């Protein structure tokens, strides 16, 4: 294959059934369970007006020249039901990579979610659709269709590496990718994290939350509280 025009098949991918069980886990809890090292950057955000929109599916990855969507068209023809189309367009906002017509074609083939490290257009339609859409921005200026690009190769979304077949999750806090080899471990850790935070929220509601850890942490860093001297407050 010519370098820059390579199309691969996925050798493995998270199943649609496995992906669905993650939908009740907040992205933040999953991120915390991965040592907070994996993130696609704050500019890759949920485009849908419904902020309760959630996404979970296997990554079908596309790496393309900024402003060009030739390989995205090809990737749409390769979609399997529930797939998340993950497009690395370098974060460039000069040209939209995808719009209403292409998204409609992708949905007809079972698209489960869309992640564009770049720009979209036809924003009103995409924002109000039920399809989870994540992008870095919006522009009316359309794309070119010349390439180069690659399909089902690893992509880099603002420092977060996504391999084809990895699990890709999204909600109002952004996008996170879970490596295929660590699905079970991260799932279990994220469920524990969710249970812990649910308990802490309950303690806040009932005024039972213990905040003494703050002073202990400060003192461990060398902080010494000033002695109380009965200062008058007015």
Foldseek 3Di string as FASTA:
>chain_A
DDPLAAEDDDPAADDLVLFVVCQVFDPVLLCVLVVVPADLDQLWFWLAPPQAQKAKTFEWEKEWAAQAAQVVLVSLVVDAARYEYAYPHPLEAPAAREEDVSVVSSVVRHHQAYTYSYEHEPSVVVRHDSHTYIYNYYDPHHGHHDTRMYIQDWDARNNHIHGGNWMWIDGRRHIGTDGPVCSVVSVVSSVVSVVVVVVQVVCVVVVNHDPVVVVVVCVVVPDDDDDDDPDDDD
